[in-house]
Amino acid sequence: MRDAVAHRAESEAEGPLLHDFNSAAARLSITERHLKELWARREIGAVKVGKLVRFRDSDLQEFIARNAQAPLPRGVE
């Protein structure tokens, strides 16, 4: 029992398992409106919990990875 409580405390310190629009937008450094547009166009994954839309950390990380751009080689402008 004590291990379960300690594990839960460690997990909560890392952040929630599911993010609402507000916290997901904050993690991506974008507005909630922009995130809602991305979700409406299905450019970012989400989970429906009843009527609520929630974002997993993996949804956010996948979106970041998919949109990452490599730097240009030196000397190329």
PDB file of N, CA and C in Angstrom:
ATOM      1  N   MET A   1       0.829  -1.192   0.000  1.00  0.00           N
ATOM      2  CA  MET A   1       0.000   0.000   0.000  1.00  0.00           C
ATOM      3  C   MET A   1       0.871   1.252   0.000  1.00  0.00           C
ATOM      4  N   ARG A   2       1.879   1.259   0.830  1.00  0.00           N
ATOM      5  CA  ARG A   2       2.756   2.415   0.927  1.00  0.00           C
ATOM      6  C   ARG A   2       3.475   2.649  -0.405  1.00  0.00           C
ATOM      7  N   ASP A   3       3.884   1.565  -1.103  1.00  0.00           N
ATOM      8  CA  ASP A   3       4.545   1.711  -2.399  1.00  0.00           C
ATOM      9  C   ASP A   3       3.619   2.346  -3.425  1.00  0.00           C
ATOM     10  N   ALA A   4       2.348   1.974  -3.409  1.00  0.00           N
ATOM     11  CA  ALA A   4       1.378   2.539  -4.340  1.00  0.00           C
ATOM     12  C   ALA A   4       1.217   4.036  -4.107  1.00  0.00           C
ATOM     13  N   VAL A   5       1.179   4.451  -2.861  1.00  0.00           N
ATOM     14  CA  VAL A   5       1.044   5.872  -2.537  1.00  0.00           C
ATOM     15  C   VAL A   5       2.284   6.627  -2.993  1.00  0.00           C
ATOM     16  N   ALA A   6       3.461   6.069  -2.759  1.00  0.00           N
ATOM     17  CA  ALA A   6       4.705   6.713  -3.178  1.00  0.00           C
ATOM     18  C   ALA A   6       4.764   6.808  -4.698  1.00  0.00           C
ATOM     19  N   HIS A   7       4.344   5.748  -5.391  1.00  0.00           N
ATOM     20  CA  HIS A   7       4.363   5.756  -6.854  1.00  0.00           C
ATOM     21  C   HIS A   7       3.401   6.818  -7.385  1.00  0.00           C
ATOM     22  N   ARG A   8       2.219   6.923  -6.781  1.00  0.00           N
ATOM     23  CA  ARG A   8       1.243   7.917  -7.223  1.00  0.00           C
ATOM     24  C   ARG A   8       1.801   9.317  -7.018  1.00  0.00           C
ATOM     25  N   ALA A   9       2.450   9.559  -5.899  1.00  0.00           N
ATOM     26  CA  ALA A   9       3.031  10.875  -5.627  1.00  0.00           C
ATOM     27  C   ALA A   9       4.118  11.203  -6.646  1.00  0.00           C
ATOM     28  N   GLU A  10       4.939  10.225  -7.008  1.00  0.00           N
ATOM     29  CA  GLU A  10       5.974  10.446  -8.020  1.00  0.00           C
ATOM     30  C   GLU A  10       5.350  10.754  -9.364  1.00  0.00           C
ATOM     31  N   SER A  11       4.289  10.030  -9.733  1.00  0.00           N
ATOM     32  CA  SER A  11       3.621  10.252 -11.012  1.00  0.00           C
ATOM     33  C   SER A  11       2.993  11.636 -11.063  1.00  0.00           C
ATOM     34  N   GLU A  12       2.361  12.055  -9.963  1.00  0.00           N
ATOM     35  CA  GLU A  12       1.731  13.364  -9.937  1.00  0.00           C
ATOM     36  C   GLU A  12       2.768  14.467 -10.013  1.00  0.00           C
ATOM     37  N   ALA A  13       3.946  14.233  -9.479  1.00  0.00           N
ATOM     38  CA  ALA A  13       5.006  15.230  -9.554  1.00  0.00           C
ATOM     39  C   ALA A  13       5.477  15.416 -10.990  1.00  0.00           C
ATOM     40  N   GLU A  14       5.400  14.365 -11.793  1.00  0.00           N
ATOM     41  CA  GLU A  14       5.797  14.431 -13.205  1.00  0.00           C
ATOM     42  C   GLU A  14       4.750  15.135 -14.041  1.00  0.00           C
ATOM     43  N   GLY A  15       3.532  15.223 -13.560  1.00  0.00           N
ATOM     44  CA  GLY A  15       2.447  15.867 -14.286  1.00  0.00           C
ATOM     45  C   GLY A  15       1.290  14.914 -14.467  1.00  0.00           C
ATOM     46  N   PRO A  16       0.146  15.447 -14.867  1.00  0.00           N
ATOM     47  CA  PRO A  16      -1.032  14.612 -15.032  1.00  0.00           C
ATOM     48  C   PRO A  16      -0.885  13.662 -16.213  1.00  0.00           C
ATOM     49  N   LEU A  17      -1.588  12.535 -16.127  1.00  0.00           N
ATOM     50  CA  LEU A  17      -1.571  11.583 -17.229  1.00  0.00           C
ATOM     51  C   LEU A  17      -2.338  12.123 -18.429  1.00  0.00           C
ATOM     52  N   LEU A  18      -3.405  12.868 -18.158  1.00  0.00           N
ATOM     53  CA  LEU A  18      -4.212  13.469 -19.215  1.00  0.00           C
ATOM     54  C   LEU A  18      -4.274  14.975 -18.999  1.00  0.00           C
ATOM     55  N   HIS A  19      -4.157  15.715 -20.082  1.00  0.00           N
ATOM     56  CA  HIS A  19      -4.188  17.178 -20.014  1.00  0.00           C
ATOM     57  C   HIS A  19      -5.478  17.695 -20.628  1.00  0.00           C
ATOM     58  N   ASP A  20      -6.052  18.727 -20.014  1.00  0.00           N
ATOM     59  CA  ASP A  20      -7.174  19.414 -20.637  1.00  0.00           C
ATOM     60  C   ASP A  20      -6.610  20.398 -21.664  1.00  0.00           C
ATOM     61  N   PHE A  21      -7.494  21.143 -22.342  1.00  0.00           N
ATOM     62  CA  PHE A  21      -7.016  22.074 -23.362  1.00  0.00           C
ATOM     63  C   PHE A  21      -6.050  23.099 -22.773  1.00  0.00           C
ATOM     64  N   ASN A  22      -6.361  23.578 -21.578  1.00  0.00           N
ATOM     65  CA  ASN A  22      -5.537  24.605 -20.949  1.00  0.00           C
ATOM     66  C   ASN A  22      -4.116  24.109 -20.688  1.00  0.00           C
ATOM     67  N   SER A  23      -3.981  22.977 -20.018  1.00  0.00           N
ATOM     68  CA  SER A  23      -2.636  22.504 -19.678  1.00  0.00           C
ATOM     69  C   SER A  23      -1.890  21.974 -20.907  1.00  0.00           C
ATOM     70  N   ALA A  24      -2.604  21.372 -21.857  1.00  0.00           N
ATOM     71  CA  ALA A  24      -1.945  20.895 -23.082  1.00  0.00           C
ATOM     72  C   ALA A  24      -1.433  22.078 -23.903  1.00  0.00           C
ATOM     73  N   ALA A  25      -2.231  23.123 -24.010  1.00  0.00           N
ATOM     74  CA  ALA A  25      -1.803  24.313 -24.750  1.00  0.00           C
ATOM     75  C   ALA A  25      -0.589  24.950 -24.076  1.00  0.00           C
ATOM     76  N   ALA A  26      -0.598  24.972 -22.760  1.00  0.00           N
ATOM     77  CA  ALA A  26       0.536  25.542 -22.028  1.00  0.00           C
ATOM     78  C   ALA A  26       1.807  24.726 -22.282  1.00  0.00           C
ATOM     79  N   ARG A  27       1.683  23.393 -22.310  1.00  0.00           N
ATOM     80  CA  ARG A  27       2.861  22.547 -22.556  1.00  0.00           C
ATOM     81  C   ARG A  27       3.414  22.752 -23.958  1.00  0.00           C
ATOM     82  N   LEU A  28       2.531  23.088 -24.909  1.00  0.00           N
ATOM     83  CA  LEU A  28       2.967  23.319 -26.288  1.00  0.00           C
ATOM     84  C   LEU A  28       3.305  24.790 -26.549  1.00  0.00           C
ATOM     85  N   SER A  29       3.068  25.645 -25.570  1.00  0.00           N
ATOM     86  CA  SER A  29       3.307  27.094 -25.699  1.00  0.00           C
ATOM     87  C   SER A  29       2.495  27.701 -26.838  1.00  0.00           C
ATOM     88  N   ILE A  30       1.230  27.280 -26.922  1.00  0.00           N
ATOM     89  CA  ILE A  30       0.306  27.831 -27.906  1.00  0.00           C
ATOM     90  C   ILE A  30      -0.979  28.210 -27.173  1.00  0.00           C
ATOM     91  N   THR A  31      -1.883  28.881 -27.868  1.00  0.00           N
ATOM     92  CA  THR A  31      -3.159  29.254 -27.247  1.00  0.00           C
ATOM     93  C   THR A  31      -4.123  28.071 -27.259  1.00  0.00           C
ATOM     94  N   GLU A  32      -5.094  28.121 -26.376  1.00  0.00           N
ATOM     95  CA  GLU A  32      -6.130  27.084 -26.370  1.00  0.00           C
ATOM     96  C   GLU A  32      -6.883  27.084 -27.697  1.00  0.00           C
ATOM     97  N   ARG A  33      -7.114  28.256 -28.238  1.00  0.00           N
ATOM     98  CA  ARG A  33      -7.833  28.352 -29.518  1.00  0.00           C
ATOM     99  C   ARG A  33      -7.073  27.616 -30.625  1.00  0.00           C
ATOM    100  N   HIS A  34      -5.741  27.824 -30.679  1.00  0.00           N
ATOM    101  CA  HIS A  34      -4.934  27.142 -31.688  1.00  0.00           C
ATOM    102  C   HIS A  34      -4.984  25.631 -31.478  1.00  0.00           C
ATOM    103  N   LEU A  35      -4.900  25.191 -30.230  1.00  0.00           N
ATOM    104  CA  LEU A  35      -4.973  23.760 -29.944  1.00  0.00           C
ATOM    105  C   LEU A  35      -6.327  23.189 -30.363  1.00  0.00           C
ATOM    106  N   LYS A  36      -7.396  23.916 -30.108  1.00  0.00           N
ATOM    107  CA  LYS A  36      -8.729  23.454 -30.516  1.00  0.00           C
ATOM    108  C   LYS A  36      -8.821  23.334 -32.033  1.00  0.00           C
ATOM    109  N   GLU A  37      -8.184  24.265 -32.749  1.00  0.00           N
ATOM    110  CA  GLU A  37      -8.163  24.183 -34.217  1.00  0.00           C
ATOM    111  C   GLU A  37      -7.367  22.969 -34.681  1.00  0.00           C
ATOM    112  N   LEU A  38      -6.212  22.721 -34.056  1.00  0.00           N
ATOM    113  CA  LEU A  38      -5.411  21.546 -34.404  1.00  0.00           C
ATOM    114  C   LEU A  38      -6.191  20.265 -34.152  1.00  0.00           C
ATOM    115  N   TRP A  39      -6.886  20.200 -33.021  1.00  0.00           N
ATOM    116  CA  TRP A  39      -7.665  19.015 -32.677  1.00  0.00           C
ATOM    117  C   TRP A  39      -8.835  18.843 -33.646  1.00  0.00           C
ATOM    118  N   ALA A  40      -9.520  19.935 -33.989  1.00  0.00           N
ATOM    119  CA  ALA A  40     -10.658  19.868 -34.911  1.00  0.00           C
ATOM    120  C   ALA A  40     -10.224  19.346 -36.278  1.00  0.00           C
ATOM    121  N   ARG A  41      -8.997  19.696 -36.703  1.00  0.00           N
ATOM    122  CA  ARG A  41      -8.459  19.219 -37.990  1.00  0.00           C
ATOM    123  C   ARG A  41      -7.780  17.862 -37.850  1.00  0.00           C
ATOM    124  N   ARG A  42      -7.814  17.294 -36.645  1.00  0.00           N
ATOM    125  CA  ARG A  42      -7.197  16.002 -36.318  1.00  0.00           C
ATOM    126  C   ARG A  42      -5.692  15.989 -36.593  1.00  0.00           C
ATOM    127  N   GLU A  43      -5.056  17.127 -36.332  1.00  0.00           N
ATOM    128  CA  GLU A  43      -3.602  17.212 -36.469  1.00  0.00           C
ATOM    129  C   GLU A  43      -2.898  16.799 -35.189  1.00  0.00           C
ATOM    130  N   ILE A  44      -3.661  16.648 -34.115  1.00  0.00           N
ATOM    131  CA  ILE A  44      -3.117  16.196 -32.841  1.00  0.00           C
ATOM    132  C   ILE A  44      -4.098  15.199 -32.241  1.00  0.00           C
ATOM    133  N   GLY A  45      -3.554  14.122 -31.701  1.00  0.00           N
ATOM    134  CA  GLY A  45      -4.398  13.085 -31.124  1.00  0.00           C
ATOM    135  C   GLY A  45      -4.962  13.495 -29.773  1.00  0.00           C
ATOM    136  N   ALA A  46      -6.052  12.876 -29.414  1.00  0.00           N
ATOM    137  CA  ALA A  46      -6.696  13.158 -28.132  1.00  0.00           C
ATOM    138  C   ALA A  46      -7.520  11.958 -27.718  1.00  0.00           C
ATOM    139  N   VAL A  47      -7.981  12.007 -26.488  1.00  0.00           N
ATOM    140  CA  VAL A  47      -8.833  10.966 -25.924  1.00  0.00           C
ATOM    141  C   VAL A  47     -10.129  11.622 -25.482  1.00  0.00           C
ATOM    142  N   LYS A  48     -11.256  11.032 -25.832  1.00  0.00           N
ATOM    143  CA  LYS A  48     -12.536  11.537 -25.342  1.00  0.00           C
ATOM    144  C   LYS A  48     -12.875  10.787 -24.059  1.00  0.00           C
ATOM    145  N   VAL A  49     -13.151  11.539 -23.010  1.00  0.00           N
ATOM    146  CA  VAL A  49     -13.588  10.985 -21.728  1.00  0.00           C
ATOM    147  C   VAL A  49     -14.998  11.521 -21.527  1.00  0.00           C
ATOM    148  N   GLY A  50     -15.966  10.722 -21.946  1.00  0.00           N
ATOM    149  CA  GLY A  50     -17.340  11.228 -21.974  1.00  0.00           C
ATOM    150  C   GLY A  50     -17.404  12.341 -23.007  1.00  0.00           C
ATOM    151  N   LYS A  51     -17.836  13.515 -22.581  1.00  0.00           N
ATOM    152  CA  LYS A  51     -17.890  14.672 -23.479  1.00  0.00           C
ATOM    153  C   LYS A  51     -16.591  15.474 -23.474  1.00  0.00           C
ATOM    154  N   LEU A  52     -15.682  15.117 -22.576  1.00  0.00           N
ATOM    155  CA  LEU A  52     -14.448  15.873 -22.412  1.00  0.00           C
ATOM    156  C   LEU A  52     -13.362  15.395 -23.366  1.00  0.00           C
ATOM    157  N   VAL A  53     -12.538  16.317 -23.819  1.00  0.00           N
ATOM    158  CA  VAL A  53     -11.387  15.999 -24.665  1.00  0.00           C
ATOM    159  C   VAL A  53     -10.146  16.139 -23.795  1.00  0.00           C
ATOM    160  N   ARG A  54      -9.310  15.111 -23.805  1.00  0.00           N
ATOM    161  CA  ARG A  54      -8.075  15.129 -23.021  1.00  0.00           C
ATOM    162  C   ARG A  54      -6.912  14.690 -23.907  1.00  0.00           C
ATOM    163  N   PHE A  55      -5.730  15.191 -23.577  1.00  0.00           N
ATOM    164  CA  PHE A  55      -4.534  14.913 -24.358  1.00  0.00           C
ATOM    165  C   PHE A  55      -3.533  14.156 -23.500  1.00  0.00           C
ATOM    166  N   ARG A  56      -3.018  13.046 -24.023  1.00  0.00           N
ATOM    167  CA  ARG A  56      -1.963  12.299 -23.329  1.00  0.00           C
ATOM    168  C   ARG A  56      -0.630  12.982 -23.608  1.00  0.00           C
ATOM    169  N   ASP A  57       0.313  12.779 -22.700  1.00  0.00           N
ATOM    170  CA  ASP A  57       1.670  13.280 -22.946  1.00  0.00           C
ATOM    171  C   ASP A  57       2.190  12.744 -24.271  1.00  0.00           C
ATOM    172  N   SER A  58       1.883  11.483 -24.568  1.00  0.00           N
ATOM    173  CA  SER A  58       2.356  10.880 -25.823  1.00  0.00           C
ATOM    174  C   SER A  58       1.749  11.581 -27.039  1.00  0.00           C
ATOM    175  N   ASP A  59       0.493  12.064 -26.951  1.00  0.00           N
ATOM    176  CA  ASP A  59      -0.111  12.833 -28.047  1.00  0.00           C
ATOM    177  C   ASP A  59       0.682  14.109 -28.291  1.00  0.00           C
ATOM    178  N   LEU A  60       1.046  14.778 -27.198  1.00  0.00           N
ATOM    179  CA  LEU A  60       1.778  16.037 -27.302  1.00  0.00           C
ATOM    180  C   LEU A  60       3.187  15.807 -27.849  1.00  0.00           C
ATOM    181  N   GLN A  61       3.859  14.774 -27.347  1.00  0.00           N
ATOM    182  CA  GLN A  61       5.215  14.475 -27.813  1.00  0.00           C
ATOM    183  C   GLN A  61       5.216  14.070 -29.284  1.00  0.00           C
ATOM    184  N   GLU A  62       4.230  13.294 -29.695  1.00  0.00           N
ATOM    185  CA  GLU A  62       4.142  12.873 -31.101  1.00  0.00           C
ATOM    186  C   GLU A  62       3.924  14.082 -32.002  1.00  0.00           C
ATOM    187  N   PHE A  63       3.069  15.003 -31.576  1.00  0.00           N
ATOM    188  CA  PHE A  63       2.826  16.213 -32.351  1.00  0.00           C
ATOM    189  C   PHE A  63       4.115  17.021 -32.492  1.00  0.00           C
ATOM    190  N   ILE A  64       4.843  17.168 -31.405  1.00  0.00           N
ATOM    191  CA  ILE A  64       6.108  17.910 -31.428  1.00  0.00           C
ATOM    192  C   ILE A  64       7.095  17.238 -32.378  1.00  0.00           C
ATOM    193  N   ALA A  65       7.236  15.932 -32.264  1.00  0.00           N
ATOM    194  CA  ALA A  65       8.188  15.201 -33.111  1.00  0.00           C
ATOM    195  C   ALA A  65       7.815  15.311 -34.592  1.00  0.00           C
ATOM    196  N   ARG A  66       6.530  15.226 -34.887  1.00  0.00           N
ATOM    197  CA  ARG A  66       6.062  15.288 -36.272  1.00  0.00           C
ATOM    198  C   ARG A  66       6.303  16.676 -36.882  1.00  0.00           C
ATOM    199  N   ASN A  67       6.335  17.698 -36.051  1.00  0.00           N
ATOM    200  CA  ASN A  67       6.475  19.062 -36.553  1.00  0.00           C
ATOM    201  C   ASN A  67       7.859  19.656 -36.347  1.00  0.00           C
ATOM    202  N   ALA A  68       8.783  18.861 -35.842  1.00  0.00           N
ATOM    203  CA  ALA A  68      10.148  19.343 -35.632  1.00  0.00           C
ATOM    204  C   ALA A  68      10.837  19.536 -36.977  1.00  0.00           C
ATOM    205  N   GLN A  69      11.636  20.558 -37.069  1.00  0.00           N
ATOM    206  CA  GLN A  69      12.376  20.840 -38.294  1.00  0.00           C
ATOM    207  C   GLN A  69      13.866  20.762 -38.005  1.00  0.00           C
ATOM    208  N   ALA A  70      14.574  20.123 -38.899  1.00  0.00           N
ATOM    209  CA  ALA A  70      16.031  20.028 -38.754  1.00  0.00           C
ATOM    210  C   ALA A  70      16.649  21.373 -39.099  1.00  0.00           C
ATOM    211  N   PRO A  71      17.744  21.713 -38.468  1.00  0.00           N
ATOM    212  CA  PRO A  71      18.413  22.976 -38.807  1.00  0.00           C
ATOM    213  C   PRO A  71      19.017  22.895 -40.209  1.00  0.00           C
ATOM    214  N   LEU A  72      19.150  24.045 -40.841  1.00  0.00           N
ATOM    215  CA  LEU A  72      19.780  24.107 -42.156  1.00  0.00           C
ATOM    216  C   LEU A  72      21.279  23.877 -42.000  1.00  0.00           C
ATOM    217  N   PRO A  73      21.899  23.257 -43.002  1.00  0.00           N
ATOM    218  CA  PRO A  73      23.355  23.109 -42.949  1.00  0.00           C
ATOM    219  C   PRO A  73      24.019  24.482 -42.943  1.00  0.00           C
ATOM    220  N   ARG A  74      25.207  24.564 -42.378  1.00  0.00           N
ATOM    221  CA  ARG A  74      25.935  25.842 -42.336  1.00  0.00           C
ATOM    222  C   ARG A  74      26.192  26.344 -43.744  1.00  0.00           C
ATOM    223  N   GLY A  75      26.083  27.648 -43.904  1.00  0.00           N
ATOM    224  CA  GLY A  75      26.339  28.266 -45.198  1.00  0.00           C
ATOM    225  C   GLY A  75      25.125  28.341 -46.097  1.00  0.00           C
ATOM    226  N   VAL A  76      24.019  27.701 -45.686  1.00  0.00           N
ATOM    227  CA  VAL A  76      22.778  27.754 -46.473  1.00  0.00           C
ATOM    228  C   VAL A  76      21.865  28.775 -45.820  1.00  0.00           C
ATOM    229  N   GLU A  77      21.378  29.703 -46.610  1.00  0.00           N
ATOM    230  CA  GLU A  77      20.492  30.736 -46.071  1.00  0.00           C
ATOM    231  C   GLU A  77      19.136  30.634 -46.669  1.00  0.00           C
TER     232      GLU A  77
END
